[in-house]
Amino acid sequence: MAYLLKTTFIPSSPALRHHRIPGFGQSAARVSTGPFHAKIREIFMPALSSTMTEGKIVSWVKSEGDKLSKGESVVVVESDKADMDVETFYDGYLAAIMVEEGGVAAVGSAIALLAETQEEISEAKSKASSRQPSSADQSAAPAAAPVDQVKVSENAENPSLLPLVAKAPTVTASSSLHPASEGGRRIVASPYAKKLAKELKVELSRIVGSGPNGRIVAKDVEAAVAPAALAPERSAMRTPTGSVELGTVVPFTTIQGAVSRNMVESLNVPTFRVGYTITTDALDSLYKKIKSKGVTMTALLAKATALALIQHPVINSSCRDGKSFTYNSSINIAVAVAMDGGLITPVLQDAHKVDIYSLSRKWKELVEKARAKQLQPHEYNTGTFTLSNLGMFGVDRFDAILPPGTGAIMAVGASQPTVVASKDGRIGMKNQMQVNVTADHRVIYGADLSSFLQTFAKIVEDPKDLTF
């Protein structure tokens, strides 16, 4: 579900400058240069998640001067988790874009102005241009500054206005084309798709997007490249010295910044770790039988985890304030997924209630949306227990960091042939995997975690219940 842009009036008289108008969100600081009677609203950067402090403009769906209708998509914003189409609350005209594509704005700060009538567009543009950094300030900026570098306004009269962004090369006033369009056609693509298209030298204007509202995603770019040409390009991308200039300093992406904040927050939680060795012969056999029906190993592990959590609700609990904890009513398994330049945890909701075939289909859908940065908030922030699986990379064991707000996370290693001795002294070969659980010791204790792992191991070693 798309999110709505918050807007507010720029008041028409000094008496209204600090008046809070119900329904329009937080009022920005007011600036008046004289009588101003036009109904011009500021469009704010919305908060698309509980952890979002700033957002990046991926693309403007509408151009300056376009007529807008209430509920219509206006801009695509990159939050700390995903890209989202954002809608407007009001009818009007997109009079002035204050933050260009690639620009970053704090949540609640103005990113554009919305005029009620066409006659007010020029006045809104004048209002917006008065808030832009002076030409002297722009010339003083480093020549090599990136397009999305944030330039903070020093105007004391506008404390709540958006930190202004260094603009892309100016487009002549006589041109009717938006700077982000190609040949007059609006190109809407995910950041990864744009990066991939640049690396593979593919023109986005020639690609038909398969994402929401025709949005171009990574798989569309890959499909546009012949397999023979794609292979060497990808090979070059994997070469460290060919894709990374050693010695360079690279700022965090929005997602990397969010991951960094979460990891630092995790240090405030007292955690402990318990490992367990599990025989996977029966699970491997089941997987081979039903893999052709679209079942994934991730779905099998998530289902087994969910069934074990039913019997051990304390492992599915969470402590947020350090004074109490909650037995979560849902069992939502979050699974870590590596993205281009980040990490996200799509959530398989009520995994214990969903059959393995539907769960596998849902997981594939979530992964596609995650890598296209199209996940909705409830699809990544509702997890009650987290799985992190590096087994597909051959990693035999590792520890995972506990995500804030959850009770436990399980790190799953690769299943490998192992020589083992039975209780009667016989030696044989079995497939075994190592799992390590990191838990919040304020709520979960060693006996709790050990009991949970025993239950989980029994389900994996006799997985008949996974297909029901």
Protein backbone atom coordinates (compact mmCIF):
# COMPACT_ATOMS: atom_id res chain seq x y z
CA MET A 1 0.00 0.00 0.00
CA ALA A 2 1.49 3.32 -1.06
CA TYR A 3 2.11 5.94 1.59
CA LEU A 4 0.59 9.41 1.59
CA LEU A 5 2.60 12.60 1.42
CA LYS A 6 2.02 14.98 4.31
CA THR A 7 1.47 18.58 3.26
CA THR A 8 0.57 21.80 5.00
CA PHE A 9 -0.43 25.30 4.03
CA ILE A 10 2.04 28.13 3.81
CA PRO A 11 -0.17 30.70 5.64
CA SER A 12 -1.53 33.79 3.95
CA SER A 13 -1.07 36.24 6.84
CA PRO A 14 1.33 36.86 9.75
CA ALA A 15 -1.41 35.97 12.22
CA LEU A 16 -1.43 32.41 10.91
CA ARG A 17 2.29 31.84 10.73
CA HIS A 18 2.52 29.55 13.74
CA HIS A 19 -0.99 28.12 13.62
CA ARG A 20 -1.16 24.31 13.55
CA ILE A 21 -3.78 23.20 11.03
CA PRO A 22 -5.46 19.89 11.96
CA GLY A 23 -4.97 17.01 9.56
CA PHE A 24 -1.97 18.37 7.75
CA GLY A 25 0.78 16.87 9.95
CA GLN A 26 3.46 18.87 11.67
CA SER A 27 3.64 22.51 10.70
CA ALA A 28 6.92 23.75 9.32
CA ALA A 29 8.41 27.06 10.39
CA ARG A 30 6.67 29.84 8.50
CA VAL A 31 8.40 32.46 6.39
CA SER A 32 6.62 35.50 5.01
CA THR A 33 8.03 38.10 2.65
CA GLY A 34 4.85 40.14 2.52
CA PRO A 35 1.17 39.50 1.77
CA PHE A 36 0.79 36.00 0.38
CA HIS A 37 -2.73 34.76 -0.36
CA ALA A 38 -2.05 31.76 -2.60
CA LYS A 39 -2.87 28.31 -1.30
CA ILE A 40 0.54 26.69 -1.61
CA ARG A 41 1.37 23.62 0.42
CA GLU A 42 4.70 22.12 1.37
CA ILE A 43 5.12 18.43 0.57
CA PHE A 44 7.07 16.71 3.32
CA MET A 45 9.37 13.70 3.35
CA PRO A 46 7.15 10.98 4.92
CA ALA A 47 8.22 8.45 7.55
CA LEU A 48 7.92 5.08 5.80
CA SER A 49 9.10 3.00 8.75
CA SER A 50 9.53 3.36 12.49
CA THR A 51 13.33 3.53 12.14
CA MET A 52 13.47 5.94 9.21
CA THR A 53 15.11 9.30 9.95
CA GLU A 54 15.75 10.42 6.38
CA GLY A 55 14.77 9.35 2.89
CA LYS A 56 16.31 9.49 -0.55
CA ILE A 57 14.41 10.58 -3.64
CA VAL A 58 14.68 7.70 -6.10
CA SER A 59 12.55 9.29 -8.80
CA TRP A 60 9.80 11.83 -9.27
CA VAL A 61 6.85 10.13 -10.94
CA LYS A 62 5.43 13.56 -11.78
CA SER A 63 7.17 16.58 -13.27
CA GLU A 64 6.91 20.24 -12.31
CA GLY A 65 3.65 21.67 -13.61
CA ASP A 66 1.83 18.33 -13.68
CA LYS A 67 -1.70 18.23 -12.32
CA LEU A 68 -2.12 15.95 -9.30
CA SER A 69 -5.18 14.18 -7.99
CA LYS A 70 -5.64 13.01 -4.42
CA GLY A 71 -4.26 9.48 -4.00
CA GLU A 72 -2.02 9.70 -7.08
CA SER A 73 1.63 8.58 -6.92
CA VAL A 74 4.00 11.53 -7.00
CA VAL A 75 7.45 10.36 -5.95
CA VAL A 76 9.37 7.17 -5.20
CA VAL A 77 11.26 7.37 -1.90
CA GLU A 78 14.03 5.08 -0.68
CA SER A 79 13.72 4.50 3.05
CA ASP A 80 16.12 2.51 5.22
CA LYS A 81 14.41 -0.69 4.03
CA ALA A 82 12.73 -0.34 0.64
CA ASP A 83 11.58 1.89 -2.21
CA MET A 84 7.97 3.05 -1.97
CA ASP A 85 5.59 4.96 -4.18
CA VAL A 86 4.24 7.92 -2.23
CA GLU A 87 0.83 9.47 -2.89
CA THR A 88 -0.52 12.98 -2.31
CA PHE A 89 -3.28 13.97 0.09
CA TYR A 90 -4.54 16.81 -2.10
CA ASP A 91 -5.51 17.89 -5.61
CA GLY A 92 -3.36 20.56 -7.19
CA TYR A 93 -0.24 21.12 -9.29
CA LEU A 94 3.33 20.04 -8.57
CA ALA A 95 4.68 23.56 -8.61
CA ALA A 96 8.30 23.19 -7.54
CA ILE A 97 10.58 20.26 -6.77
CA MET A 98 12.94 21.24 -3.97
CA VAL A 99 14.88 17.96 -3.71
CA GLU A 100 15.98 16.44 -6.98
CA GLU A 101 16.33 12.73 -7.71
CA GLY A 102 19.21 11.29 -5.70
CA GLY A 103 18.78 13.92 -3.01
CA VAL A 104 18.39 13.09 0.69
CA ALA A 105 15.94 14.78 3.03
CA ALA A 106 15.15 14.42 6.73
CA VAL A 107 11.77 13.01 7.65
CA GLY A 108 9.27 15.88 7.97
CA SER A 109 11.24 18.34 5.85
CA ALA A 110 9.92 19.89 2.64
CA ILE A 111 10.76 18.22 -0.65
CA ALA A 112 8.37 20.08 -2.99
CA LEU A 113 5.63 22.70 -3.18
CA LEU A 114 2.04 21.99 -4.24
CA ALA A 115 -0.04 24.81 -5.77
CA GLU A 116 -3.82 24.74 -5.77
CA THR A 117 -4.14 26.47 -9.17
CA GLN A 118 -1.96 26.96 -12.23
CA GLU A 119 -1.82 30.70 -11.56
CA GLU A 120 -0.02 30.02 -8.29
CA ILE A 121 2.73 27.85 -9.82
CA SER A 122 5.04 30.76 -10.66
CA GLU A 123 4.67 32.17 -7.15
CA ALA A 124 5.46 28.75 -5.66
CA LYS A 125 8.54 28.43 -7.87
CA SER A 126 9.69 31.84 -6.71
CA LYS A 127 9.13 30.77 -3.12
CA ALA A 128 11.14 27.58 -3.70
CA SER A 129 14.01 29.35 -5.48
CA SER A 130 14.35 31.78 -2.58
CA ARG A 131 15.18 28.81 -0.39
CA GLN A 132 17.86 27.41 -2.68
CA PRO A 133 21.53 28.04 -1.79
CA SER A 134 22.97 31.16 -3.39
CA SER A 135 25.18 30.89 -6.45
CA ALA A 136 28.12 31.98 -4.30
CA ASP A 137 27.46 29.11 -1.92
CA GLN A 138 27.22 26.68 -4.80
CA SER A 139 30.47 27.86 -6.36
CA ALA A 140 32.21 27.43 -3.02
CA ALA A 141 31.26 23.74 -2.93
CA PRO A 142 33.97 21.23 -3.89
CA ALA A 143 34.05 20.61 -7.63
CA ALA A 144 34.00 16.86 -7.12
CA ALA A 145 30.95 16.87 -4.84
CA PRO A 146 28.51 14.11 -5.78
CA VAL A 147 25.04 14.98 -7.05
CA ASP A 148 23.36 13.66 -3.90
CA GLN A 149 25.61 15.53 -1.47
CA VAL A 150 23.50 17.30 1.16
CA LYS A 151 24.05 21.03 1.60
CA VAL A 152 22.56 22.36 4.85
CA SER A 153 20.92 25.78 4.66
CA GLU A 154 22.30 28.37 7.06
CA ASN A 155 19.18 30.53 6.87
CA ALA A 156 18.17 31.01 10.51
CA GLU A 157 14.68 32.05 9.43
CA ASN A 158 14.02 28.59 7.99
CA PRO A 159 15.08 26.14 10.75
CA SER A 160 12.68 23.41 9.67
CA LEU A 161 13.32 23.51 5.96
CA LEU A 162 14.92 20.65 4.14
CA PRO A 163 18.72 20.51 3.92
CA LEU A 164 19.11 21.53 0.31
CA VAL A 165 20.74 19.21 -2.17
CA ALA A 166 23.34 20.14 -4.75
CA LYS A 167 21.47 20.06 -8.03
CA ALA A 168 22.20 18.13 -11.18
CA PRO A 169 23.26 20.12 -14.26
CA THR A 170 20.70 22.83 -15.00
CA VAL A 171 18.12 22.22 -17.71
CA THR A 172 17.29 25.22 -19.93
CA ALA A 173 13.98 26.88 -19.22
CA SER A 174 12.86 26.40 -22.83
CA SER A 175 13.00 22.63 -22.46
CA SER A 176 9.74 20.93 -21.53
CA LEU A 177 11.46 17.66 -20.59
CA HIS A 178 12.07 16.66 -17.00
CA PRO A 179 15.79 16.15 -16.19
CA ALA A 180 15.19 12.54 -15.19
CA SER A 181 13.33 11.62 -18.36
CA GLU A 182 14.78 10.26 -21.57
CA GLY A 183 13.32 11.68 -24.73
CA GLY A 184 10.33 12.94 -22.77
CA ARG A 185 9.49 9.52 -21.35
CA ARG A 186 9.56 9.10 -17.59
CA ILE A 187 11.90 6.28 -16.61
CA VAL A 188 11.09 4.67 -13.27
CA ALA A 189 13.55 2.00 -12.13
CA SER A 190 14.89 0.61 -8.87
CA PRO A 191 18.33 1.87 -7.77
CA TYR A 192 19.85 -1.58 -8.33
CA ALA A 193 18.32 -1.76 -11.80
CA LYS A 194 19.85 1.62 -12.65
CA LYS A 195 23.25 0.52 -11.34
CA LEU A 196 23.05 -2.76 -13.23
CA ALA A 197 21.99 -1.02 -16.43
CA LYS A 198 24.99 1.30 -16.17
CA GLU A 199 27.39 -1.59 -15.58
CA LEU A 200 25.93 -3.64 -18.44
CA LYS A 201 25.59 -0.60 -20.72
CA VAL A 202 21.86 -1.08 -21.22
CA GLU A 203 19.53 1.81 -22.07
CA LEU A 204 16.63 1.85 -19.63
CA SER A 205 14.43 3.59 -22.19
CA ARG A 206 14.37 0.37 -24.24
CA ILE A 207 13.24 -1.84 -21.35
CA VAL A 208 9.65 -2.59 -20.39
CA GLY A 209 9.42 -2.88 -16.62
CA SER A 210 7.68 -5.79 -14.92
CA GLY A 211 7.49 -4.19 -11.46
CA PRO A 212 4.59 -2.24 -9.94
CA ASN A 213 3.24 0.44 -12.31
CA GLY A 214 5.76 -0.60 -14.95
CA ARG A 215 8.77 -0.04 -12.70
CA ILE A 216 12.00 -1.49 -14.10
CA VAL A 217 13.68 -3.98 -11.76
CA ALA A 218 16.99 -5.83 -11.94
CA LYS A 219 15.59 -8.93 -13.66
CA ASP A 220 14.24 -6.73 -16.49
CA VAL A 221 17.74 -5.38 -17.12
CA GLU A 222 19.24 -8.87 -17.03
CA ALA A 223 16.60 -10.16 -19.44
CA ALA A 224 17.48 -7.37 -21.88
CA VAL A 225 21.06 -8.60 -22.16
CA ALA A 226 21.92 -11.63 -24.27
CA PRO A 227 23.21 -14.52 -22.07
CA ALA A 228 26.50 -14.62 -23.96
CA ALA A 229 27.09 -10.94 -23.29
CA LEU A 230 25.88 -11.10 -19.72
CA ALA A 231 28.33 -13.75 -18.53
CA PRO A 232 31.57 -11.83 -19.16
CA GLU A 233 30.05 -8.64 -17.74
CA ARG A 234 29.07 -10.39 -14.52
CA SER A 235 32.47 -12.04 -14.35
CA ALA A 236 34.08 -8.63 -14.49
CA MET A 237 31.73 -7.38 -11.79
CA ARG A 238 32.89 -10.13 -9.45
CA THR A 239 36.55 -9.21 -9.85
CA PRO A 240 37.43 -7.09 -6.81
CA THR A 241 40.10 -5.01 -8.53
CA GLY A 242 37.84 -4.45 -11.55
CA SER A 243 34.85 -3.05 -9.66
CA VAL A 244 36.36 -1.37 -6.61
CA GLU A 245 39.00 1.35 -6.59
CA LEU A 246 41.20 0.46 -3.65
CA GLY A 247 41.77 3.22 -1.12
CA THR A 248 38.50 5.03 -1.82
CA VAL A 249 36.13 6.10 0.96
CA VAL A 250 32.55 5.08 0.28
CA PRO A 251 29.66 6.55 2.32
CA PHE A 252 26.98 4.19 3.61
CA THR A 253 23.89 3.69 1.51
CA THR A 254 20.54 4.26 3.23
CA ILE A 255 20.19 0.55 3.94
CA GLN A 256 23.78 0.20 5.19
CA GLY A 257 23.19 3.12 7.53
CA ALA A 258 20.10 1.42 8.95
CA VAL A 259 21.97 -1.85 9.42
CA SER A 260 24.78 0.01 11.17
CA ARG A 261 22.38 1.68 13.60
CA ASN A 262 20.65 -1.62 14.37
CA MET A 263 23.92 -3.42 15.01
CA VAL A 264 25.11 -0.72 17.40
CA GLU A 265 21.75 -0.86 19.21
CA SER A 266 22.17 -4.63 19.57
CA LEU A 267 25.27 -4.07 21.71
CA ASN A 268 22.99 -2.78 24.50
CA VAL A 269 21.34 -6.20 24.86
CA PRO A 270 23.02 -8.88 27.02
CA THR A 271 23.15 -11.94 24.79
CA PHE A 272 24.48 -15.49 24.98
CA ARG A 273 24.93 -18.24 22.41
CA VAL A 274 24.16 -21.95 22.32
CA GLY A 275 25.18 -24.33 19.53
CA TYR A 276 23.67 -27.65 18.45
CA THR A 277 24.54 -30.37 15.92
CA ILE A 278 21.62 -31.80 13.93
CA THR A 279 21.51 -34.77 11.54
CA THR A 280 19.84 -33.74 8.29
CA ASP A 281 19.60 -37.03 6.32
CA ALA A 282 15.80 -37.18 6.59
CA LEU A 283 15.38 -33.47 5.81
CA ASP A 284 17.69 -33.74 2.79
CA SER A 285 15.72 -36.73 1.52
CA LEU A 286 12.41 -34.87 1.92
CA TYR A 287 13.82 -31.83 0.14
CA LYS A 288 14.89 -33.91 -2.86
CA LYS A 289 11.37 -35.36 -3.14
CA ILE A 290 9.48 -32.07 -3.07
CA LYS A 291 12.02 -29.63 -4.53
CA SER A 292 10.49 -30.09 -8.01
CA LYS A 293 7.20 -28.75 -6.61
CA GLY A 294 8.81 -25.42 -5.82
CA VAL A 295 9.71 -26.08 -2.20
CA THR A 296 12.80 -24.28 -0.91
CA MET A 297 15.14 -25.31 1.89
CA THR A 298 14.59 -21.90 3.48
CA ALA A 299 10.85 -22.60 3.71
CA LEU A 300 11.52 -26.02 5.26
CA LEU A 301 13.80 -24.52 7.91
CA ALA A 302 11.35 -21.70 8.60
CA LYS A 303 8.49 -24.17 8.99
CA ALA A 304 10.52 -26.40 11.33
CA THR A 305 11.50 -23.36 13.40
CA ALA A 306 7.89 -22.18 13.64
CA LEU A 307 6.67 -25.61 14.77
CA ALA A 308 9.35 -25.67 17.47
CA LEU A 309 8.44 -22.18 18.65
CA ILE A 310 4.85 -23.29 19.26
CA GLN A 311 6.18 -25.48 22.06
CA HIS A 312 8.58 -22.84 23.41
CA PRO A 313 6.82 -19.46 23.35
CA VAL A 314 9.48 -17.76 25.48
CA ILE A 315 11.96 -18.13 22.57
CA ASN A 316 9.44 -16.22 20.43
CA SER A 317 9.09 -13.43 22.99
CA SER A 318 10.64 -9.97 22.96
CA CYS A 319 11.87 -7.39 25.47
CA ARG A 320 11.84 -3.77 24.33
CA ASP A 321 11.97 -1.64 27.48
CA GLY A 322 14.19 -3.71 29.78
CA LYS A 323 11.38 -3.92 32.33
CA SER A 324 8.99 -6.44 30.77
CA PHE A 325 8.70 -8.86 27.90
CA THR A 326 5.92 -9.91 25.53
CA TYR A 327 4.84 -13.39 24.51
CA ASN A 328 4.19 -12.62 20.85
CA SER A 329 0.81 -13.85 19.61
CA SER A 330 2.14 -14.52 16.08
CA ILE A 331 5.04 -16.67 14.95
CA ASN A 332 6.64 -14.62 12.19
CA ILE A 333 9.93 -15.96 10.88
CA ALA A 334 12.24 -13.27 9.52
CA VAL A 335 14.96 -14.58 7.19
CA ALA A 336 18.08 -12.57 6.37
CA VAL A 337 18.55 -11.80 2.66
CA ALA A 338 21.65 -10.19 1.18
CA MET A 339 20.92 -7.27 -1.13
CA ASP A 340 23.10 -5.08 -3.26
CA GLY A 341 24.85 -3.00 -0.63
CA GLY A 342 22.82 -4.14 2.34
CA LEU A 343 20.81 -6.70 4.24
CA ILE A 344 17.09 -7.06 4.91
CA THR A 345 14.90 -9.64 6.66
CA PRO A 346 11.65 -10.44 4.80
CA VAL A 347 9.07 -12.03 7.11
CA LEU A 348 7.13 -15.25 6.65
CA GLN A 349 4.10 -14.44 8.75
CA ASP A 350 2.34 -17.17 10.76
CA ALA A 351 4.74 -19.73 9.30
CA HIS A 352 3.34 -22.49 11.53
CA LYS A 353 -0.11 -22.12 9.93
CA VAL A 354 0.92 -22.08 6.27
CA ASP A 355 1.54 -25.27 4.25
CA ILE A 356 5.05 -25.77 2.93
CA TYR A 357 4.09 -25.20 -0.72
CA SER A 358 2.38 -21.86 -0.05
CA LEU A 359 5.21 -20.89 2.29
CA SER A 360 7.77 -21.55 -0.46
CA ARG A 361 5.81 -19.50 -2.99
CA LYS A 362 5.54 -16.67 -0.51
CA TRP A 363 9.26 -16.80 0.21
CA LYS A 364 10.18 -16.55 -3.47
CA GLU A 365 7.83 -13.58 -3.81
CA LEU A 366 9.37 -11.84 -0.81
CA VAL A 367 12.91 -12.35 -2.10
CA GLU A 368 12.00 -10.84 -5.48
CA LYS A 369 10.37 -7.86 -3.80
CA ALA A 370 13.32 -7.44 -1.42
CA ARG A 371 15.87 -7.32 -4.23
CA ALA A 372 13.65 -4.92 -6.18
CA LYS A 373 13.33 -2.86 -2.96
CA GLN A 374 9.55 -3.16 -3.08
CA LEU A 375 8.83 -4.71 0.33
CA GLN A 376 6.07 -3.09 2.35
CA PRO A 377 6.78 -2.33 6.06
CA HIS A 378 4.73 -5.26 7.37
CA GLU A 379 6.80 -7.55 5.17
CA TYR A 380 10.08 -6.75 6.91
CA ASN A 381 9.43 -5.27 10.36
CA THR A 382 7.05 -7.82 11.93
CA GLY A 383 9.49 -10.67 12.59
CA THR A 384 9.42 -12.35 16.02
CA PHE A 385 12.31 -14.79 15.40
CA THR A 386 15.11 -14.54 12.84
CA LEU A 387 16.92 -17.12 10.69
CA SER A 388 20.27 -16.44 9.07
CA ASN A 389 21.46 -19.16 6.70
CA LEU A 390 24.94 -19.16 5.18
CA GLY A 391 24.92 -22.87 4.43
CA MET A 392 24.55 -22.28 0.69
CA PHE A 393 28.01 -20.66 0.77
CA GLY A 394 29.60 -23.68 2.43
CA VAL A 395 29.92 -21.97 5.82
CA ASP A 396 29.78 -24.70 8.47
CA ARG A 397 29.17 -22.51 11.53
CA PHE A 398 28.89 -18.86 12.53
CA ASP A 399 27.25 -16.56 15.09
CA ALA A 400 24.57 -14.02 14.24
CA ILE A 401 23.90 -10.65 15.91
CA LEU A 402 20.52 -10.34 17.61
CA PRO A 403 18.19 -7.88 15.79
CA PRO A 404 16.77 -5.21 18.13
CA GLY A 405 13.30 -5.95 19.47
CA THR A 406 13.49 -9.73 19.08
CA GLY A 407 14.34 -12.53 21.51
CA ALA A 408 16.53 -14.80 19.41
CA ILE A 409 18.21 -15.39 16.04
CA MET A 410 19.43 -18.74 14.70
CA ALA A 411 22.51 -19.05 12.49
CA VAL A 412 22.34 -22.10 10.21
CA GLY A 413 25.46 -23.65 8.69
CA ALA A 414 25.89 -26.04 5.77
CA SER A 415 24.86 -29.67 5.99
CA GLN A 416 27.99 -31.73 5.46
CA PRO A 417 28.89 -35.46 5.40
CA THR A 418 30.34 -36.33 8.79
CA VAL A 419 31.82 -39.50 10.25
CA VAL A 420 29.89 -40.27 13.43
CA ALA A 421 29.82 -43.03 16.03
CA SER A 422 26.49 -44.53 17.11
CA LYS A 423 25.62 -45.42 20.71
CA ASP A 424 26.41 -49.08 20.05
CA GLY A 425 29.94 -48.20 18.91
CA ARG A 426 29.40 -48.42 15.16
CA ILE A 427 30.93 -45.84 12.88
CA GLY A 428 28.95 -44.44 9.97
CA MET A 429 28.47 -41.43 7.71
CA LYS A 430 25.68 -38.91 8.26
CA ASN A 431 24.87 -35.43 6.99
CA GLN A 432 24.99 -32.96 9.85
CA MET A 433 24.61 -29.21 10.24
CA GLN A 434 25.57 -26.81 13.00
CA VAL A 435 23.12 -24.24 14.29
CA ASN A 436 23.97 -21.49 16.77
CA VAL A 437 21.29 -19.43 18.48
CA THR A 438 21.96 -15.95 19.90
CA ALA A 439 19.38 -14.97 22.52
CA ASP A 440 18.43 -12.09 24.82
CA HIS A 441 19.54 -13.26 28.27
CA ARG A 442 17.17 -10.86 30.03
CA VAL A 443 14.28 -13.09 28.94
CA ILE A 444 15.68 -16.38 27.65
CA TYR A 445 17.93 -18.65 29.70
CA GLY A 446 20.21 -21.54 28.85
CA ALA A 447 17.71 -24.24 29.77
CA ASP A 448 15.02 -22.56 27.64
CA LEU A 449 17.27 -22.40 24.60
CA SER A 450 18.58 -25.95 25.02
CA SER A 451 15.05 -27.31 25.23
CA PHE A 452 14.03 -25.38 22.10
CA LEU A 453 17.01 -26.72 20.15
CA GLN A 454 16.19 -30.28 21.15
CA THR A 455 12.66 -29.82 19.81
CA PHE A 456 13.92 -28.20 16.62
CA ALA A 457 16.39 -31.07 16.09
CA LYS A 458 13.64 -33.69 16.52
CA ILE A 459 11.50 -31.96 13.87
CA VAL A 460 14.41 -31.74 11.41
CA GLU A 461 15.49 -35.34 12.00
CA ASP A 462 11.90 -36.61 11.57
CA PRO A 463 10.35 -34.02 9.23
CA LYS A 464 7.01 -35.70 8.49
CA ASP A 465 5.09 -32.81 10.06
CA LEU A 466 6.64 -30.26 7.69
CA THR A 467 4.46 -31.27 4.75
CA PHE A 468 1.15 -30.94 6.60
